[in-house]
């Protein structure tokens, strides 16, 4: 079967890149011909431009300083994409580009990531609702709005687009509840993020060096958070570990024993695999800590990340979320129990995806979701 995927594959973010890899790799393992549509909307692409000055002349100096770093990092991400992900030969920048291309597939899948977050896509982008598709099934897999409130005008527009889907799955339970109020005749499901569709061995195959002489705590932060490093230092002292973190081009790191300056997706996975402990505020940092069966803690930012709290709650790991620095649970995690929970959830997520592709998803009663 010919399957085309539309997602955030180009953002130079470890989670976005690896979820793209995971979904396409899993579908290929089922024997399908899979490509990710190389859609590069200007509204998002400019945020990842190496020369993004954000209309401030004062940013020119900073841009020049960090340019070599960004160029090297981009090269590592591009190399990973070329080796591990099939992209369409053509690049597309607008809805018109895709409509004029008359791109064909048996199934079009949109997701995962925050592809329905209008704050990111500079308003509702019809492309991420597959509005260009004329033939073939339309499916969402683990799609996300990424925010708590949506305007009434947006809701009306979104519902009209989604009525043309054959099956819809989302990543957050609140999104399930929200959509259930407006969509009653299309199957809705709550599924795991695509990174869980693969096994640990699939990620280990992406890098060679699986052992290190160093005992270290890996800090992975997607948002600046001094509290996170404060917690990491406490745990590192308790467990006699050095602290390792990924360098930022624009922000100095203090109280870190080792900075990793060049880190692509494969290197990121290696850092997690070899770590003795992980402290993060990232959803995908949490996911891969669990996939690699690592002891970890999550230090939230000012507002709790629903994706993370949903996942921790599902796996009964709420105590790994640190809301009070005086109460840090850092004892070893019993992964025999966690892995059993995840296997059950993975089975349901895979079943949804396989049934949706074969147009066999059954419409269930959704009273609990307001539908």
Protein backbone atom coordinates (compact mmCIF):
# COMPACT_ATOMS: atom_id res chain seq x y z
CA UNK A 1 0.00 0.00 0.00
CA UNK A 2 1.23 3.51 -0.83
CA UNK A 3 1.24 5.70 2.29
CA UNK A 4 2.18 9.37 2.55
CA UNK A 5 2.84 11.03 5.92
CA UNK A 6 2.59 14.72 6.75
CA UNK A 7 4.31 15.85 9.94
CA UNK A 8 6.94 18.19 11.40
CA UNK A 9 9.99 16.34 10.09
CA UNK A 10 12.28 19.31 9.45
CA UNK A 11 12.36 21.25 12.73
CA UNK A 12 15.82 20.20 13.95
CA UNK A 13 14.23 18.97 17.14
CA UNK A 14 15.14 15.50 18.44
CA UNK A 15 11.58 14.53 19.34
CA UNK A 16 10.06 15.75 16.07
CA UNK A 17 12.70 14.02 13.96
CA UNK A 18 12.55 10.73 15.85
CA UNK A 19 8.75 10.54 15.90
CA UNK A 20 8.85 11.02 12.11
CA UNK A 21 11.40 8.22 11.86
CA UNK A 22 9.36 5.97 14.15
CA UNK A 23 6.03 6.28 12.32
CA UNK A 24 7.52 5.81 8.86
CA UNK A 25 9.75 2.93 10.00
CA UNK A 26 6.88 1.09 11.68
CA UNK A 27 4.66 1.39 8.60
CA UNK A 28 7.50 0.18 6.38
CA UNK A 29 7.91 -2.83 8.67
CA UNK A 30 4.33 -3.78 7.77
CA UNK A 31 5.31 -3.94 4.10
CA UNK A 32 3.94 -0.58 2.96
CA UNK A 33 5.62 1.93 0.64
CA UNK A 34 6.04 4.99 2.81
CA UNK A 35 7.13 8.55 2.12
CA UNK A 36 7.02 11.69 4.23
CA UNK A 37 5.74 14.62 2.22
CA UNK A 38 8.54 17.20 2.18
CA UNK A 39 6.27 20.09 3.08
CA UNK A 40 8.22 23.15 4.21
CA UNK A 41 5.81 25.98 5.06
CA UNK A 42 7.47 29.37 5.19
CA UNK A 43 5.63 30.25 8.41
CA UNK A 44 7.58 27.56 10.25
CA UNK A 45 10.67 27.23 8.10
CA UNK A 46 11.81 30.80 8.79
CA UNK A 47 12.03 29.95 12.50
CA UNK A 48 14.72 27.39 11.68
CA UNK A 49 16.63 29.52 9.20
CA UNK A 50 20.33 29.77 9.99
CA UNK A 51 20.10 33.50 9.34
CA UNK A 52 16.91 34.22 11.24
CA UNK A 53 17.44 37.73 12.60
CA UNK A 54 13.88 38.18 13.85
CA UNK A 55 13.86 41.75 12.54
CA UNK A 56 16.39 42.91 15.12
CA UNK A 57 19.75 44.28 13.90
CA UNK A 58 21.18 43.50 17.34
CA UNK A 59 20.72 39.79 16.62
CA UNK A 60 23.17 39.91 13.70
CA UNK A 61 26.25 39.57 15.93
CA UNK A 62 24.75 36.62 17.84
CA UNK A 63 23.79 34.97 14.57
CA UNK A 64 27.31 35.29 13.19
CA UNK A 65 28.79 33.83 16.38
CA UNK A 66 26.54 30.79 16.48
CA UNK A 67 26.38 30.20 12.71
CA UNK A 68 29.11 27.46 12.59
CA UNK A 69 27.42 25.64 15.47
CA UNK A 70 24.00 25.76 13.78
CA UNK A 71 25.46 24.74 10.43
CA UNK A 72 27.12 21.66 11.94
CA UNK A 73 23.99 20.70 13.86
CA UNK A 74 21.81 21.09 10.78
CA UNK A 75 24.21 18.90 8.85
CA UNK A 76 23.80 16.12 11.42
CA UNK A 77 20.00 16.30 11.23
CA UNK A 78 20.06 16.36 7.42
CA UNK A 79 22.34 13.35 7.38
CA UNK A 80 19.97 11.45 9.67
CA UNK A 81 17.00 12.28 7.45
CA UNK A 82 18.79 11.19 4.28
CA UNK A 83 19.84 7.87 5.80
CA UNK A 84 16.69 6.93 7.68
CA UNK A 85 13.61 8.63 6.23
CA UNK A 86 12.14 8.52 2.73
CA UNK A 87 11.08 12.01 1.69
CA UNK A 88 9.17 12.86 -1.46
CA UNK A 89 11.44 13.96 -4.30
CA UNK A 90 9.53 17.21 -4.62
CA UNK A 91 9.49 19.91 -1.96
CA UNK A 92 6.24 21.75 -1.27
CA UNK A 93 5.89 25.18 0.32
CA UNK A 94 2.19 26.01 0.02
CA UNK A 95 -1.25 24.45 -0.27
CA UNK A 96 -1.27 25.44 -3.94
CA UNK A 97 1.97 23.52 -4.51
CA UNK A 98 0.38 20.35 -3.17
CA UNK A 99 -2.92 20.85 -4.99
CA UNK A 100 -1.14 21.43 -8.28
CA UNK A 101 1.09 18.40 -7.76
CA UNK A 102 -1.90 16.04 -7.66
CA UNK A 103 0.05 13.87 -5.24
CA UNK A 104 -1.43 10.38 -4.92
CA UNK A 105 -1.49 7.68 -2.24
CA UNK A 106 -3.79 4.99 -0.91
CA UNK A 107 -3.56 6.49 2.57
CA UNK A 108 -2.54 9.92 3.86
CA UNK A 109 -1.57 10.16 7.53
CA UNK A 110 -1.12 13.43 9.37
CA UNK A 111 0.76 13.43 12.67
CA UNK A 112 2.26 13.19 15.16
CA UNK A 113 3.40 16.37 16.93
CA UNK A 114 1.58 19.68 17.27
CA UNK A 115 0.59 19.83 13.62
CA UNK A 116 -2.82 21.31 14.59
CA UNK A 117 -1.39 24.06 16.78
CA UNK A 118 -2.39 27.25 14.95
CA UNK A 119 0.10 29.25 17.03
CA UNK A 120 2.90 27.27 15.40
CA UNK A 121 1.45 27.16 11.87
CA UNK A 122 0.57 30.88 11.84
CA UNK A 123 -3.16 30.19 11.80
CA UNK A 124 -4.97 27.07 10.67
CA UNK A 125 -2.98 25.49 7.85
CA UNK A 126 -5.31 23.45 5.57
CA UNK A 127 -2.33 21.32 4.51
CA UNK A 128 -2.11 19.79 8.01
CA UNK A 129 -5.77 18.85 7.65
CA UNK A 130 -5.02 17.14 4.30
CA UNK A 131 -7.20 19.58 2.39
CA UNK A 132 -5.20 18.93 -0.79
CA UNK A 133 -6.09 15.20 -0.86
CA UNK A 134 -8.58 14.23 -3.58
CA UNK A 135 -8.33 10.43 -3.40
CA UNK A 136 -7.21 8.10 -0.62
CA UNK A 137 -8.02 7.67 3.07
CA UNK A 138 -7.35 10.54 5.44
CA UNK A 139 -6.10 9.51 8.90
CA UNK A 140 -4.56 11.32 11.84
CA UNK A 141 -2.12 9.55 14.13
CA UNK A 142 -1.36 11.05 17.56
CA UNK A 143 -2.06 14.56 16.31
CA UNK A 144 -2.02 17.41 18.80
CA UNK A 145 -3.40 20.94 19.17
CA UNK A 146 -0.74 21.64 21.77
CA UNK A 147 -2.78 24.22 23.68
CA UNK A 148 -5.70 24.46 26.07
CA UNK A 149 -8.00 26.93 24.32
CA UNK A 150 -9.22 27.19 20.72
CA UNK A 151 -11.38 30.02 19.41
CA UNK A 152 -14.92 29.35 18.23
CA UNK A 153 -14.04 30.35 14.67
CA UNK A 154 -11.14 27.89 14.66
CA UNK A 155 -13.33 25.13 16.05
CA UNK A 156 -15.89 25.53 13.24
CA UNK A 157 -13.14 25.42 10.61
CA UNK A 158 -11.34 22.46 12.20
CA UNK A 159 -14.48 20.35 12.48
CA UNK A 160 -15.28 20.89 8.80
CA UNK A 161 -11.83 19.64 7.82
CA UNK A 162 -11.93 16.64 10.16
CA UNK A 163 -15.34 15.52 8.92
CA UNK A 164 -13.53 14.36 5.78
CA UNK A 165 -11.28 11.97 7.72
CA UNK A 166 -11.98 8.25 7.92
CA UNK A 167 -10.32 7.85 11.34
CA UNK A 168 -8.85 10.25 13.90
CA UNK A 169 -6.40 9.55 16.70
CA UNK A 170 -4.88 12.11 19.03
CA UNK A 171 -2.08 12.27 21.56
CA UNK A 172 -3.74 14.03 24.52
CA UNK A 173 -6.83 12.84 26.35
CA UNK A 174 -8.16 16.41 26.57
CA UNK A 175 -8.11 16.60 22.77
CA UNK A 176 -10.13 13.40 22.65
CA UNK A 177 -12.69 14.93 24.98
CA UNK A 178 -12.78 18.19 23.03
CA UNK A 179 -13.24 16.61 19.59
CA UNK A 180 -15.84 14.18 20.92
CA UNK A 181 -18.17 17.11 21.52
CA UNK A 182 -18.21 18.04 17.84
CA UNK A 183 -17.53 14.87 15.87
CA UNK A 184 -19.93 11.96 16.32
CA UNK A 185 -19.67 9.90 13.14
CA UNK A 186 -15.90 9.36 12.78
CA UNK A 187 -13.87 6.96 14.96
CA UNK A 188 -11.82 8.81 17.59
CA UNK A 189 -8.97 7.17 19.48
CA UNK A 190 -6.30 8.12 21.99
CA UNK A 191 -2.93 6.58 21.07
CA UNK A 192 0.70 6.61 22.12
CA UNK A 193 3.27 8.86 20.49
CA UNK A 194 4.85 7.20 17.42
CA UNK A 195 8.21 6.71 19.17
CA UNK A 196 6.57 3.89 21.15
CA UNK A 197 5.65 1.99 17.98
CA UNK A 198 9.24 0.80 17.70
CA UNK A 199 11.24 -1.40 20.07
CA UNK A 200 14.41 -0.40 21.87
CA UNK A 201 16.49 -2.46 19.45
CA UNK A 202 15.26 -0.33 16.55
CA UNK A 203 16.82 2.73 18.18
CA UNK A 204 19.99 0.93 19.23
CA UNK A 205 20.56 0.13 15.55
CA UNK A 206 20.97 3.87 14.91
CA UNK A 207 24.27 4.15 16.79
CA UNK A 208 27.31 1.95 17.45
CA UNK A 209 28.98 3.06 20.69
CA UNK A 210 26.77 1.53 23.36
CA UNK A 211 29.13 1.59 26.30
CA UNK A 212 30.96 4.37 28.07
CA UNK A 213 33.44 4.46 30.91
CA UNK A 214 31.69 7.50 32.33
CA UNK A 215 28.90 7.34 34.88
CA UNK A 216 26.80 10.39 34.18
CA UNK A 217 23.43 12.03 34.67
CA UNK A 218 22.04 13.37 31.41
CA UNK A 219 20.10 16.63 31.50
CA UNK A 220 17.82 17.24 28.53
CA UNK A 221 15.88 20.49 28.59
CA UNK A 222 13.84 21.88 25.72
CA UNK A 223 13.04 25.04 27.71
CA UNK A 224 15.38 27.02 29.95
CA UNK A 225 14.72 25.98 33.52
CA UNK A 226 17.14 26.72 36.36
CA UNK A 227 15.11 24.52 38.70
CA UNK A 228 15.82 21.53 36.45
CA UNK A 229 19.59 21.94 36.83
CA UNK A 230 19.22 22.51 40.56
CA UNK A 231 17.40 19.17 40.87
CA UNK A 232 19.97 17.49 38.60
CA UNK A 233 22.83 18.66 40.81
CA UNK A 234 21.10 17.28 43.91
CA UNK A 235 20.62 13.86 42.33
CA UNK A 236 24.12 13.86 40.80
CA UNK A 237 25.67 14.48 44.22
CA UNK A 238 23.51 11.79 45.81
CA UNK A 239 24.50 9.21 43.20
CA UNK A 240 28.08 10.40 42.54
CA UNK A 241 27.43 11.16 38.89
CA UNK A 242 28.81 13.77 36.53
CA UNK A 243 26.31 15.99 34.71
CA UNK A 244 26.24 15.91 30.92
CA UNK A 245 24.10 18.24 28.81
CA UNK A 246 23.69 19.26 25.17
CA UNK A 247 25.22 22.66 24.42
CA UNK A 248 23.07 25.55 23.27
CA UNK A 249 24.45 27.98 20.73
CA UNK A 250 23.03 31.00 22.50
CA UNK A 251 23.07 30.16 26.20
CA UNK A 252 26.05 29.33 28.45
CA UNK A 253 25.80 26.28 30.69
CA UNK A 254 26.95 26.54 34.28
CA UNK A 255 27.56 23.74 36.76
CA UNK A 256 27.76 21.14 34.01
CA UNK A 257 30.64 18.69 33.92
CA UNK A 258 30.51 18.02 30.19
CA UNK A 259 28.85 19.74 27.25
CA UNK A 260 28.08 17.89 24.01
CA UNK A 261 28.45 20.43 21.22
CA UNK A 262 27.61 18.32 18.19
CA UNK A 263 24.56 16.17 18.75
CA UNK A 264 22.28 14.77 16.07
CA UNK A 265 19.34 12.38 16.63
CA UNK A 266 21.55 9.29 16.82
CA UNK A 267 23.91 10.97 19.28
CA UNK A 268 20.92 12.05 21.35
CA UNK A 269 19.75 8.43 21.63
CA UNK A 270 23.25 7.32 22.60
CA UNK A 271 23.39 9.90 25.39
CA UNK A 272 20.13 8.56 26.82
CA UNK A 273 21.10 4.90 26.44
CA UNK A 274 24.45 5.33 28.22
CA UNK A 275 23.17 7.59 31.00
CA UNK A 276 22.86 6.26 34.54
CA UNK A 277 20.14 8.78 35.27
CA UNK A 278 18.10 11.37 33.35
CA UNK A 279 16.51 14.67 34.37
CA UNK A 280 14.34 16.35 31.76
CA UNK A 281 11.45 18.70 31.06
CA UNK A 282 10.86 17.22 27.62
CA UNK A 283 8.02 14.94 26.57
CA UNK A 284 10.22 12.96 24.21
CA UNK A 285 13.03 13.00 26.75
CA UNK A 286 10.56 11.26 29.06
CA UNK A 287 9.47 8.83 26.32
CA UNK A 288 12.99 7.72 25.48
CA UNK A 289 13.95 7.44 29.15
CA UNK A 290 11.13 4.92 29.45
CA UNK A 291 11.94 3.13 26.19
CA UNK A 292 15.57 2.73 27.32
CA UNK A 293 14.39 1.71 30.83
CA UNK A 294 16.26 4.52 32.58
CA UNK A 295 15.73 5.99 36.02
CA UNK A 296 14.57 9.56 35.53
CA UNK A 297 12.77 12.59 36.88
CA UNK A 298 10.71 15.21 35.11
CA UNK A 299 10.99 18.81 36.28
CA UNK A 300 8.09 20.73 34.76
CA UNK A 301 8.22 24.31 33.60
CA UNK A 302 5.84 26.94 34.95
CA UNK A 303 2.86 25.05 33.54
CA UNK A 304 2.51 21.27 33.55
CA UNK A 305 2.84 19.58 30.19
CA UNK A 306 -0.30 17.51 29.65
CA UNK A 307 1.48 15.11 27.31
CA UNK A 308 3.94 14.26 30.07
CA UNK A 309 1.41 14.05 32.89
CA UNK A 310 -0.83 11.78 30.77
CA UNK A 311 2.07 9.44 30.05
CA UNK A 312 3.33 9.34 33.64
CA UNK A 313 -0.17 8.76 34.96
CA UNK A 314 -0.84 5.97 32.48
CA UNK A 315 2.33 4.20 33.60
CA UNK A 316 1.80 4.99 37.30
CA UNK A 317 4.95 7.06 37.45
CA UNK A 318 3.45 10.27 38.81
CA UNK A 319 6.03 10.29 41.61
CA UNK A 320 8.81 10.91 39.06
CA UNK A 321 7.35 14.37 38.44
CA UNK A 322 9.08 16.86 40.73
CA UNK A 323 6.88 19.69 41.91
CA UNK A 324 8.67 20.11 45.23
CA UNK A 325 12.47 20.13 45.28
CA UNK A 326 12.45 18.89 48.86
CA UNK A 327 10.70 15.71 47.79
CA UNK A 328 12.72 13.97 45.08
CA UNK A 329 11.95 10.31 44.40
CA UNK A 330 15.07 8.90 42.76
CA UNK A 331 14.92 5.22 43.67
CA UNK A 332 15.20 2.62 40.85
CA UNK A 333 12.10 2.20 38.69
CA UNK A 334 10.51 -1.25 38.41
CA UNK A 335 10.37 -1.53 34.63
CA UNK A 336 8.85 -5.00 34.56
CA UNK A 337 5.56 -3.34 35.52
CA UNK A 338 6.04 -0.27 33.30
CA UNK A 339 6.95 -2.31 30.23
CA UNK A 340 3.85 -4.46 30.66
CA UNK A 341 1.65 -1.34 30.71
CA UNK A 342 3.40 0.10 27.67
CA UNK A 343 3.11 -3.15 25.71
CA UNK A 344 -0.64 -3.14 26.20
CA UNK A 345 -0.88 0.50 25.09
CA UNK A 346 1.41 -0.16 22.12
CA UNK A 347 -0.82 -3.03 21.04
CA UNK A 348 -3.89 -0.79 21.05
CA UNK A 349 -2.07 2.00 19.20
CA UNK A 350 -0.79 -0.38 16.55
CA UNK A 351 -4.23 -1.93 16.20
CA UNK A 352 -5.78 1.48 15.58
CA UNK A 353 -3.19 2.31 12.94
CA UNK A 354 -3.47 -1.01 11.12
CA UNK A 355 -7.27 -0.94 11.17
CA UNK A 356 -7.36 2.69 10.03
CA UNK A 357 -5.08 1.94 7.08
CA UNK A 358 -7.34 -0.93 6.08
CA UNK A 359 -10.45 1.20 6.69
CA UNK A 360 -11.68 -1.17 9.40
CA UNK A 361 -11.90 1.16 12.40
CA UNK A 362 -15.21 0.63 14.19
CA UNK A 363 -17.14 3.62 15.53
CA UNK A 364 -17.41 3.07 19.27
CA UNK A 365 -19.75 4.75 21.73
CA UNK A 366 -18.18 7.95 22.97
CA UNK A 367 -20.50 9.06 25.75
CA UNK A 368 -17.51 9.46 28.03
CA UNK A 369 -16.03 12.01 25.64
CA UNK A 370 -19.17 14.10 25.26
CA UNK A 371 -20.02 12.76 21.78
